Protein backbone atom coordinates (compact mmCIF):
# COMPACT_ATOMS: atom_id res chain seq x y z
CA MET A 1 65.49 -9.66 -29.76
CA LYS A 2 66.52 -12.66 -27.66
CA LYS A 3 62.92 -13.90 -27.71
CA TYR A 4 62.82 -13.93 -31.52
CA LEU A 5 66.18 -15.72 -31.73
CA LEU A 6 64.92 -18.37 -29.31
CA LEU A 7 61.76 -18.94 -31.36
CA LEU A 8 63.84 -19.22 -34.52
CA LEU A 9 66.13 -21.85 -32.98
CA LEU A 10 63.16 -23.84 -31.71
CA GLY A 11 61.62 -23.80 -35.16
CA LEU A 12 64.82 -25.00 -36.77
CA PHE A 13 65.60 -27.83 -34.38
CA SER A 14 62.19 -28.97 -33.24
CA PRO A 15 61.37 -32.49 -34.53
CA PHE A 16 57.77 -31.40 -34.95
CA SER A 17 58.46 -28.56 -37.35
CA TRP A 18 56.98 -28.71 -40.84
CA GLY A 19 58.93 -30.96 -43.16
CA GLN A 20 59.91 -33.39 -40.40
CA ILE A 21 56.53 -35.10 -39.92
CA ALA A 22 54.21 -35.49 -42.89
CA PRO A 23 50.47 -35.01 -42.27
CA THR A 24 48.31 -38.12 -42.35
CA ASP A 25 44.75 -36.82 -41.87
CA ILE A 26 44.20 -34.70 -44.99
CA GLN A 27 40.81 -35.51 -46.54
CA GLU A 28 39.81 -33.49 -49.56
CA PRO A 29 39.11 -34.27 -53.22
CA GLY A 30 41.41 -33.47 -56.10
CA LEU A 31 45.02 -33.99 -57.06
CA PHE A 32 47.79 -32.23 -55.15
CA ILE A 33 51.24 -32.47 -53.59
CA GLY A 34 52.56 -31.06 -50.33
CA LEU A 35 56.11 -29.73 -50.31
CA ASN A 36 58.67 -29.60 -47.51
CA ASN A 37 58.22 -25.83 -47.19
CA GLY A 38 54.51 -26.24 -46.41
CA GLN A 39 53.24 -25.23 -49.85
CA ARG A 40 50.46 -27.30 -51.40
CA VAL A 41 50.31 -27.46 -55.18
CA TYR A 42 47.04 -28.50 -56.86
CA ALA A 43 46.91 -30.12 -60.26
CA ARG A 44 44.58 -31.14 -63.06
CA LYS A 45 47.00 -33.95 -63.94
CA LEU A 46 49.55 -35.55 -61.63
CA GLN A 47 52.09 -38.21 -62.59
CA ILE A 48 54.98 -39.88 -60.76
CA LYS A 49 57.95 -40.28 -63.11
CA SER A 50 60.92 -42.58 -62.48
CA PRO A 51 63.30 -42.15 -65.44
CA LEU A 52 66.23 -44.52 -65.82
CA PHE A 53 69.40 -43.28 -64.05
CA LYS A 54 67.59 -40.13 -62.87
CA LYS A 55 65.79 -39.06 -59.73
CA THR A 56 62.08 -39.70 -59.33
CA PHE A 57 59.93 -36.60 -59.70
CA VAL A 58 56.30 -35.48 -59.79
CA LEU A 59 55.02 -34.05 -63.07
CA ILE A 60 52.21 -31.51 -62.66
CA ASN A 61 49.98 -30.67 -65.64
CA ASP A 62 52.62 -32.02 -68.07
CA SER A 63 54.87 -29.04 -67.34
CA ALA A 64 56.04 -28.39 -63.76
CA GLN A 65 58.45 -30.87 -62.17
CA TYR A 66 59.05 -31.39 -58.43
CA ASP A 67 61.83 -33.57 -57.09
CA MET A 68 60.36 -36.37 -54.98
CA SER A 69 62.76 -35.57 -52.14
CA ASN A 70 60.96 -32.22 -51.75
CA VAL A 71 57.52 -33.84 -51.44
CA GLN A 72 56.00 -34.70 -48.07
CA TYR A 73 52.66 -36.05 -49.29
CA PHE A 74 50.58 -36.28 -52.43
CA GLN A 75 47.21 -37.42 -53.68
CA ASP A 76 46.72 -38.90 -57.13
CA GLU A 77 43.93 -40.89 -58.73
CA GLU A 78 44.92 -43.97 -56.71
CA GLY A 79 44.64 -42.33 -53.29
CA PHE A 80 46.50 -40.37 -50.61
CA TYR A 81 50.17 -41.05 -49.81
CA THR A 82 52.35 -39.67 -47.05
CA ARG A 83 56.07 -39.93 -46.42
CA ILE A 84 57.45 -42.49 -43.99
CA SER A 85 60.17 -40.76 -42.00
CA ASN A 86 62.05 -42.96 -39.59
CA ASN A 87 65.51 -44.42 -39.14
CA LYS A 88 64.76 -47.42 -41.32
CA ARG A 89 63.44 -45.89 -44.50
CA SER A 90 62.14 -42.77 -46.19
CA ASP A 91 59.38 -43.79 -48.57
CA PHE A 92 55.68 -43.20 -49.16
CA ALA A 93 52.81 -45.18 -47.67
CA LYS A 94 49.30 -45.34 -49.10
CA ARG A 95 46.34 -44.71 -46.83
CA VAL A 96 43.89 -47.61 -46.93
CA SER A 97 41.43 -46.63 -44.19
CA VAL A 98 40.46 -43.42 -42.40
CA GLY A 99 39.39 -43.06 -38.78
CA LYS A 100 40.73 -41.97 -35.43
CA ILE A 101 43.21 -44.73 -36.20
CA SER A 102 44.07 -44.62 -39.91
CA LYS A 103 45.95 -47.41 -41.67
CA PHE A 104 48.68 -47.14 -44.31
CA TYR A 105 50.86 -49.58 -46.17
CA THR A 106 53.79 -49.71 -48.53
CA SER A 107 55.22 -52.54 -50.60
CA LYS A 108 58.74 -53.74 -49.90
CA THR A 109 60.64 -55.90 -52.38
CA SER A 110 63.51 -58.12 -51.27
CA TYR A 111 65.74 -60.51 -53.15
CA ASP A 112 66.82 -63.96 -52.01
CA ASN A 113 70.60 -64.16 -52.21
CA TYR A 114 70.65 -67.90 -52.66
CA TYR A 115 69.90 -70.05 -55.67
CA PRO A 116 69.93 -73.83 -55.73
CA GLY A 117 72.57 -74.59 -58.34
CA MET A 118 73.45 -77.68 -60.30
CA TYR A 119 74.05 -80.93 -58.45
CA GLY A 120 72.67 -79.57 -55.20
CA TYR A 121 75.15 -76.74 -54.79
CA GLY A 122 74.06 -73.14 -54.35
CA TYR A 123 75.39 -69.70 -54.98
CA GLY A 124 74.40 -66.22 -53.98
CA GLY A 125 75.44 -63.13 -52.07
CA TYR A 126 75.93 -61.01 -55.19
CA GLY A 127 72.56 -59.25 -55.26
CA TYR A 128 70.96 -61.97 -57.34
CA GLY A 129 67.83 -63.81 -56.37
CA MET A 130 64.14 -64.15 -56.96
CA PRO A 131 62.24 -61.00 -55.92
CA SER A 132 59.55 -61.28 -53.28
CA THR A 133 57.18 -58.45 -52.34
CA ARG A 134 55.45 -58.02 -49.01
CA GLN A 135 53.26 -55.30 -47.60
CA VAL A 136 54.48 -53.32 -44.59
CA TYR A 137 51.70 -51.70 -42.55
CA TYR A 138 51.65 -48.51 -40.48
CA PHE A 139 49.02 -46.60 -38.55
CA SER A 140 48.37 -43.05 -37.45
CA LYS A 141 46.34 -41.82 -34.49
CA ASP A 142 44.54 -38.46 -34.66
CA GLY A 143 46.49 -37.46 -37.76
CA GLY A 144 49.84 -37.91 -36.03
CA PRO A 145 53.03 -39.41 -37.48
CA LEU A 146 53.10 -42.94 -38.84
CA ALA A 147 54.06 -45.77 -36.52
CA ASP A 148 54.90 -49.38 -37.27
CA MET A 149 51.78 -51.52 -36.97
CA ASN A 150 52.85 -53.96 -34.27
CA TYR A 151 51.64 -55.15 -30.89
CA GLN A 152 53.73 -52.75 -28.80
CA ASN A 153 52.75 -49.60 -30.69
CA LEU A 154 49.06 -50.52 -30.94
CA ARG A 155 48.82 -51.38 -27.25
CA GLN A 156 50.01 -47.88 -26.41
CA ALA A 157 47.72 -46.20 -28.97
CA LEU A 158 44.59 -48.20 -28.06
CA ASN A 159 45.06 -48.26 -24.28
CA ASP A 160 41.83 -46.28 -23.72
CA ASN A 161 39.66 -49.02 -25.25
CA PRO A 162 39.35 -52.25 -23.17
CA GLY A 163 37.82 -54.21 -26.07
CA SER A 164 40.74 -53.46 -28.37
CA LEU A 165 43.23 -54.37 -25.64
CA GLU A 166 41.49 -57.72 -25.19
CA VAL A 167 41.84 -58.44 -28.91
CA LEU A 168 45.53 -57.50 -28.75
CA GLU A 169 46.02 -59.98 -25.91
CA LYS A 170 44.64 -62.70 -28.16
CA TYR A 171 47.28 -61.74 -30.70
CA ARG A 172 50.06 -61.92 -28.11
CA ARG A 173 48.94 -65.33 -26.85
CA SER A 174 48.81 -66.77 -30.37
CA LYS A 175 52.29 -65.42 -31.13
CA ARG A 176 53.63 -67.04 -27.95
CA VAL A 177 52.14 -70.39 -28.97
CA GLU A 178 53.68 -70.08 -32.44
CA THR A 179 57.09 -69.20 -31.02
CA GLY A 180 56.96 -72.09 -28.57
CA LEU A 181 56.05 -74.59 -31.28
CA THR A 182 58.78 -73.28 -33.57
CA VAL A 183 61.47 -73.49 -30.88
CA ALA A 184 60.32 -76.92 -29.73
CA GLY A 185 60.07 -78.26 -33.27
CA SER A 186 63.51 -76.94 -34.20
CA GLY A 187 65.08 -78.45 -31.09
CA ILE A 188 63.48 -81.86 -31.65
CA PHE A 189 64.47 -81.77 -35.32
CA ILE A 190 68.14 -81.11 -34.45
CA TYR A 191 68.01 -83.88 -31.84
CA GLY A 192 66.59 -86.29 -34.41
CA LEU A 193 69.14 -85.24 -37.00
CA ILE A 194 72.02 -85.93 -34.60
CA ASN A 195 70.59 -89.34 -33.69
CA SER A 196 70.11 -90.15 -37.37
CA LEU A 197 73.75 -89.38 -38.12
CA LYS A 198 74.91 -91.50 -35.18
CA ALA A 199 72.72 -94.49 -36.06
CA PRO A 200 74.43 -97.28 -38.02
CA ALA A 201 73.42 -97.48 -41.67
CA THR A 202 71.17 -100.35 -42.73
CA GLY A 203 72.57 -101.46 -46.04
CA VAL A 204 73.00 -98.38 -48.24
CA VAL A 205 70.17 -96.43 -46.56
CA GLN A 206 70.78 -94.24 -43.50
CA ARG A 207 67.96 -94.77 -41.01
CA ALA A 208 66.20 -91.55 -39.95
CA ASP A 209 65.31 -91.11 -36.30
CA PRO A 210 61.50 -90.75 -35.76
CA THR A 211 62.02 -87.54 -33.76
CA LEU A 212 63.28 -85.94 -36.98
CA TYR A 213 59.78 -86.10 -38.46
CA LEU A 214 58.19 -85.09 -35.16
CA GLY A 215 60.30 -81.92 -35.11
CA LEU A 216 59.38 -81.09 -38.70
CA GLY A 217 55.71 -81.54 -37.88
CA LEU A 218 55.81 -79.26 -34.85
CA ALA A 219 57.74 -76.56 -36.70
CA ALA A 220 55.20 -76.66 -39.55
CA ILE A 221 52.20 -76.03 -37.28
CA PRO A 222 52.79 -72.23 -36.96
CA TRP A 223 53.03 -71.99 -40.75
CA ALA A 224 49.66 -73.75 -41.08
CA MET A 225 48.12 -71.58 -38.36
CA HIS A 226 48.61 -68.48 -40.52
CA PHE A 227 45.90 -69.72 -42.89
CA PHE A 228 43.29 -69.90 -40.10
CA ARG A 229 44.36 -67.22 -37.63
CA LYS A 230 42.34 -64.01 -37.44
CA ASP A 231 44.07 -60.73 -38.08
CA HIS A 232 43.87 -59.50 -34.49
CA LEU A 233 45.83 -56.29 -35.13
CA ASN A 234 43.36 -55.05 -37.74
CA GLU A 235 40.47 -56.32 -35.65
CA ALA A 236 41.65 -54.22 -32.69
CA ILE A 237 41.84 -51.09 -34.86
CA GLU A 238 38.41 -51.66 -36.40
CA LEU A 239 36.86 -52.19 -32.96
CA TYR A 240 38.50 -49.01 -31.68
CA ASN A 241 37.16 -46.90 -34.56
CA TYR A 242 33.72 -48.53 -34.34
CA ASP A 243 33.35 -47.88 -30.60
CA LEU A 244 34.28 -44.24 -31.06
CA ALA A 245 31.78 -43.86 -33.90
CA GLN A 246 29.00 -45.16 -31.62
CA GLN A 247 29.69 -42.60 -28.91
CA PRO A 248 27.30 -39.61 -28.84
CA PRO A 249 28.88 -36.28 -29.79
CA ALA A 250 30.09 -34.18 -26.89
CA SER A 251 27.62 -31.49 -25.83
CA ARG A 252 28.77 -27.92 -26.18
């Protein structure tokens, strides 16, 4: 009796029990949803509905409704989605590539709380602002839980592939250069701004210190580098999956 009670408690409190971590390696055709209780429901027609002032739900075959909070993963005509479960957010990410390391992403919309107003004044802080959308990427190794796609997490996941680690080191070096240029440019800009304010005005025009422009130029270099820099994080993942695909299958 004690043994069964112990197993029950482990099942309830274990972070790896079903419903806590959504699967990421399901590969099969068709439309379906996976529920928190482990049940998978197949469909001929699957739609995500977000009615105004109501909770989002999944509509199956124009009849059955499932609250989105009870769904761990689903596959519609656009692809496979799995729930992101961490301390920051609980949303769904779309799978964009499949391999030993699979990639996922979700779109995040933010609003700038500052508007340039009339005569140079601004206002904000009330939830207003122009929306901007960016893609947030995740990855999964061997069908495990999603992890943020960053240098630290990838270095741990790809540590058994020297080629991928070398690519990640290129990423780290480039980020250090960008950070150094940004810090140096900001410091020089502030120095130039202070000197410009201290300098006596020539007529009605305040003379700008040359270091002001030097600081702006240095701080702008990292921004320009983004247009030419390789995506080393994705490159490391692709190399990892490629090297594994080239290995001969293990003999039985």
